[in-house]
N, C-alpha and C. Protein backbone atom coordinates (compact mmCIF):
# COMPACT_ATOMS: atom_id res chain seq x y z
N UNK A 1 102.95 105.17 128.14
CA UNK A 1 102.11 103.66 127.74
C UNK A 1 103.13 102.86 127.61
N UNK A 2 103.06 101.27 128.08
CA UNK A 2 104.10 100.92 127.68
C UNK A 2 104.15 100.16 126.25
N UNK A 3 102.95 100.44 125.53
CA UNK A 3 103.00 99.72 123.93
C UNK A 3 103.82 101.21 123.21
N UNK A 4 103.67 102.45 123.75
CA UNK A 4 104.32 103.76 123.46
C UNK A 4 105.87 103.74 123.53
N UNK A 5 106.25 103.29 124.49
CA UNK A 5 107.76 102.80 124.86
C UNK A 5 108.47 102.08 124.04
N UNK A 6 107.44 100.89 123.85
CA UNK A 6 107.97 99.80 123.36
C UNK A 6 108.16 100.51 121.51
N UNK A 7 106.89 101.14 121.01
CA UNK A 7 107.17 101.86 119.67
C UNK A 7 108.70 102.80 119.61
N UNK A 8 109.06 103.33 120.59
CA UNK A 8 109.63 104.09 120.06
C UNK A 8 111.41 103.55 120.74
N UNK A 9 111.11 102.49 121.13
CA UNK A 9 112.89 101.68 120.96
C UNK A 9 112.94 100.55 120.07
N UNK A 10 111.49 99.87 119.85
CA UNK A 10 111.69 98.96 118.44
C UNK A 10 111.81 99.52 117.03
N UNK A 11 110.78 100.63 116.97
CA UNK A 11 111.34 101.52 115.81
C UNK A 11 112.62 101.88 115.20
N UNK A 12 113.54 102.49 116.25
CA UNK A 12 114.61 103.02 116.13
C UNK A 12 115.59 101.57 115.96
N UNK A 13 115.87 100.69 116.10
CA UNK A 13 116.09 99.44 116.42
C UNK A 13 115.90 98.58 115.28
N UNK A 14 115.10 98.89 114.53
CA UNK A 14 114.78 97.94 113.63
C UNK A 14 115.04 98.69 112.65
N UNK A 15 115.53 100.14 112.30
CA UNK A 15 116.04 100.58 111.40
C UNK A 15 117.61 100.28 111.65
N UNK A 16 118.17 100.20 112.57
CA UNK A 16 119.38 100.33 112.89
C UNK A 16 119.96 98.91 112.32
N UNK A 17 119.30 97.65 112.86
CA UNK A 17 119.61 96.45 112.36
C UNK A 17 119.22 95.95 110.82
N UNK A 18 118.37 96.82 110.08
CA UNK A 18 117.94 96.55 108.59
C UNK A 18 119.41 97.26 107.85
N UNK A 19 119.77 98.67 108.57
CA UNK A 19 120.92 99.37 107.75
C UNK A 19 122.25 98.70 108.15
N UNK A 20 122.51 97.87 109.01
CA UNK A 20 123.68 97.20 108.97
C UNK A 20 123.69 96.11 108.13
N UNK A 21 122.20 95.17 108.12
CA UNK A 21 122.33 94.26 106.80
C UNK A 21 122.01 94.35 105.76
N UNK A 22 121.85 96.01 105.47
CA UNK A 22 121.66 96.50 103.90
C UNK A 22 123.37 96.57 103.76
N UNK A 23 124.49 97.19 104.94
CA UNK A 23 125.53 97.33 104.71
C UNK A 23 126.69 96.22 104.66
N UNK A 24 126.24 95.44 105.22
CA UNK A 24 127.21 93.84 104.77
C UNK A 24 126.19 93.30 103.44
N UNK A 25 125.27 93.07 102.85
CA UNK A 25 124.75 92.61 101.77
C UNK A 25 125.32 93.84 100.58
N UNK A 26 125.21 94.69 100.44
CA UNK A 26 126.26 95.99 99.69
C UNK A 26 127.33 95.72 99.37
N UNK A 27 127.92 95.42 100.68
CA UNK A 27 129.58 95.02 100.63
C UNK A 27 130.03 93.88 100.09
N UNK A 28 129.07 92.98 100.18
CA UNK A 28 129.02 91.68 99.59
C UNK A 28 128.86 91.84 97.99
N UNK A 29 127.94 92.29 97.79
CA UNK A 29 127.64 92.51 96.42
C UNK A 29 128.35 93.36 95.66
N UNK A 30 128.81 94.35 96.26
CA UNK A 30 130.14 95.22 95.45
C UNK A 30 131.12 94.70 94.88
N UNK A 31 131.35 93.27 95.39
CA UNK A 31 132.51 92.53 95.24
C UNK A 31 132.11 91.67 93.75
N UNK A 32 131.04 91.72 93.39
CA UNK A 32 130.79 91.15 92.27
C UNK A 32 129.97 91.77 91.20
N UNK A 33 130.32 92.04 90.39
CA UNK A 33 129.90 92.83 89.07
C UNK A 33 128.48 93.04 88.31
N UNK A 34 128.38 90.91 88.30
CA UNK A 34 127.17 90.85 87.48
C UNK A 34 126.18 90.91 88.93
N UNK A 35 126.74 90.59 89.86
CA UNK A 35 125.38 90.85 91.12
C UNK A 35 124.85 92.01 90.92
N UNK A 36 126.13 92.89 91.21
CA UNK A 36 125.42 94.24 91.83
C UNK A 36 124.98 94.77 90.43
N UNK A 37 125.30 94.33 89.04
CA UNK A 37 124.38 95.18 87.79
C UNK A 37 122.72 94.38 87.95
N UNK A 38 122.97 93.01 88.25
CA UNK A 38 121.72 92.55 88.22
C UNK A 38 120.77 92.93 89.53
N UNK A 39 121.51 93.05 90.53
CA UNK A 39 120.41 94.21 91.45
C UNK A 39 120.14 95.65 91.27
N UNK A 40 120.96 96.55 90.99
CA UNK A 40 120.61 97.43 89.97
C UNK A 40 119.69 97.31 89.08
N UNK A 41 119.47 96.85 88.25
CA UNK A 41 118.71 96.29 87.49
C UNK A 41 117.18 96.33 87.79
N UNK A 42 117.24 95.17 88.94
CA UNK A 42 115.92 95.13 89.05
C UNK A 42 115.42 96.46 90.10
N UNK A 43 116.46 96.64 90.83
CA UNK A 43 115.78 98.15 91.63
C UNK A 43 115.39 98.81 90.57
N UNK A 44 115.68 99.60 89.34
CA UNK A 44 115.58 100.63 88.59
C UNK A 44 114.34 99.74 87.71
N UNK A 45 114.06 98.90 87.87
CA UNK A 45 112.80 97.88 87.19
C UNK A 45 111.29 98.13 88.04
N UNK A 46 111.48 97.95 89.35
CA UNK A 46 110.55 98.02 90.69
C UNK A 46 110.52 99.41 90.29
N UNK A 47 111.78 100.29 90.29
CA UNK A 47 111.14 101.98 90.64
C UNK A 47 110.28 102.37 89.14
N UNK A 48 110.70 102.10 88.29
CA UNK A 48 110.21 102.26 86.87
C UNK A 48 108.50 101.61 86.99
N UNK A 49 108.45 100.62 87.36
CA UNK A 49 107.07 100.02 87.73
C UNK A 49 106.24 100.61 88.74
N UNK A 50 106.69 101.24 89.58
CA UNK A 50 106.07 101.53 90.39
C UNK A 50 105.64 103.24 89.99
N UNK A 51 106.07 103.67 90.14
CA UNK A 51 105.87 105.04 89.17
C UNK A 51 105.41 105.27 88.24
N UNK A 52 105.24 104.39 87.06
CA UNK A 52 104.60 104.21 85.55
C UNK A 52 103.14 103.78 86.33
N UNK A 53 103.32 102.83 86.95
CA UNK A 53 101.75 102.29 87.56
C UNK A 53 101.07 103.58 88.27
N UNK A 54 101.90 103.95 89.17
CA UNK A 54 100.96 105.56 89.74
C UNK A 54 100.42 106.36 88.93
N UNK A 55 101.33 106.70 87.80
CA UNK A 55 101.12 108.06 87.13
C UNK A 55 100.19 107.47 85.78
N UNK A 56 100.41 106.12 85.62
CA UNK A 56 99.15 105.52 84.86
C UNK A 56 97.67 105.64 85.33
N UNK A 57 97.52 105.60 86.58
CA UNK A 57 96.24 105.20 87.72
C UNK A 57 95.87 106.95 87.41
N UNK A 58 96.70 107.94 88.01
CA UNK A 58 96.37 109.01 87.91
C UNK A 58 95.88 109.93 86.68
N UNK A 59 96.28 109.36 85.56
CA UNK A 59 96.18 109.65 84.38
C UNK A 59 94.55 109.35 83.99
N UNK A 60 94.15 107.89 84.96
CA UNK A 60 92.68 107.45 83.98
C UNK A 60 92.34 107.73 85.62
N UNK A 61 92.28 108.69 86.30
CA UNK A 61 91.38 109.10 87.46
C UNK A 61 89.45 109.16 87.04
N UNK A 62 89.41 109.65 85.74
CA UNK A 62 87.95 110.09 85.46
C UNK A 62 87.36 109.13 85.05
N UNK A 63 88.02 107.98 84.43
CA UNK A 63 87.56 106.80 83.64
C UNK A 63 87.05 106.13 85.10
N UNK A 64 86.00 105.31 84.45
CA UNK A 64 85.42 103.96 86.08
C UNK A 64 86.52 103.05 85.89
N UNK A 65 87.06 102.45 84.60
CA UNK A 65 87.66 101.72 84.66
C UNK A 65 88.95 101.41 83.81
N UNK A 66 89.86 100.85 84.93
CA UNK A 66 91.16 101.23 84.57
C UNK A 66 91.53 100.17 83.68
N UNK A 67 92.32 100.45 82.13
CA UNK A 67 92.71 99.57 81.06
C UNK A 67 93.89 98.93 81.57
N UNK A 68 94.20 97.66 81.73
CA UNK A 68 95.40 96.87 81.89
C UNK A 68 96.35 97.50 80.55
N UNK A 69 96.02 96.98 79.78
CA UNK A 69 96.83 97.17 78.59
C UNK A 69 97.64 98.29 78.15
N UNK A 70 97.19 99.05 78.48
CA UNK A 70 98.03 100.34 78.78
C UNK A 70 98.93 100.21 79.25
N UNK A 71 99.38 99.85 80.66
CA UNK A 71 100.32 99.08 81.66
C UNK A 71 101.06 98.27 80.42
N UNK A 72 100.87 96.94 80.04
CA UNK A 72 100.97 96.46 79.29
C UNK A 72 102.08 96.56 78.43
N UNK A 73 101.37 97.50 77.41
CA UNK A 73 102.15 98.32 76.56
C UNK A 73 103.62 99.05 76.75
N UNK A 74 103.09 99.47 77.80
CA UNK A 74 104.28 100.40 78.36
C UNK A 74 105.32 99.73 78.65
N UNK A 75 105.33 98.26 79.40
CA UNK A 75 106.40 97.53 79.71
C UNK A 75 107.08 96.95 78.85
N UNK A 76 105.87 96.66 77.75
CA UNK A 76 106.65 95.76 76.25
C UNK A 76 107.27 96.23 75.54
N UNK A 77 106.79 97.83 75.85
CA UNK A 77 108.07 98.82 75.18
C UNK A 77 109.18 99.09 75.69
N UNK A 78 109.25 99.37 77.40
CA UNK A 78 110.45 98.69 77.83
C UNK A 78 111.05 97.63 77.67
N UNK A 79 110.56 97.20 77.49
CA UNK A 79 111.54 95.38 77.35
C UNK A 79 111.97 95.24 75.82
N UNK A 80 110.99 95.70 74.78
CA UNK A 80 111.55 95.57 73.38
C UNK A 80 113.06 96.83 73.62
N UNK A 81 112.68 97.36 74.04
CA UNK A 81 114.15 98.47 73.62
C UNK A 81 115.09 98.06 74.29
N UNK A 82 114.95 97.38 75.41
CA UNK A 82 116.50 96.54 76.29
C UNK A 82 116.54 95.20 75.31
N UNK A 83 115.84 94.68 74.85
CA UNK A 83 116.23 93.30 73.89
C UNK A 83 116.82 94.12 72.30
N UNK A 84 116.39 95.14 72.09
CA UNK A 84 116.61 95.50 70.84
C UNK A 84 117.94 96.39 70.80
N UNK A 85 118.43 96.67 72.08
CA UNK A 85 119.79 97.10 72.56
C UNK A 85 120.85 96.15 72.02
N UNK A 86 120.19 94.85 72.96
CA UNK A 86 121.36 93.92 73.34
C UNK A 86 121.52 93.33 72.17
N UNK A 87 120.48 92.96 71.29
CA UNK A 87 120.80 92.56 69.79
C UNK A 87 121.57 93.40 68.72
N UNK A 88 122.01 94.03 68.96
CA UNK A 88 122.54 95.44 68.30
C UNK A 88 123.99 95.11 68.61
N UNK A 89 124.61 94.74 70.07
CA UNK A 89 125.70 94.84 70.38
C UNK A 89 126.52 93.75 69.93
């Protein structure tokens, strides 16, 4: 069918275009250490958030209600660790 062929062509084409854009932006970021550090820090924080959020939800599957204070405490602890390290330098 036409929609099947469209999916076969558009999917890989979008992957190639996204890879080209990512390569261009990656090479532009690599020249500026501060931007590279900022993007890397954002990526690590986003990954930490996703993994911890998923693990915390799985750990509390038996409970009927998820307590958001557990998440807040985790991320406040993460932030305090970073701030303490910055303050001692």
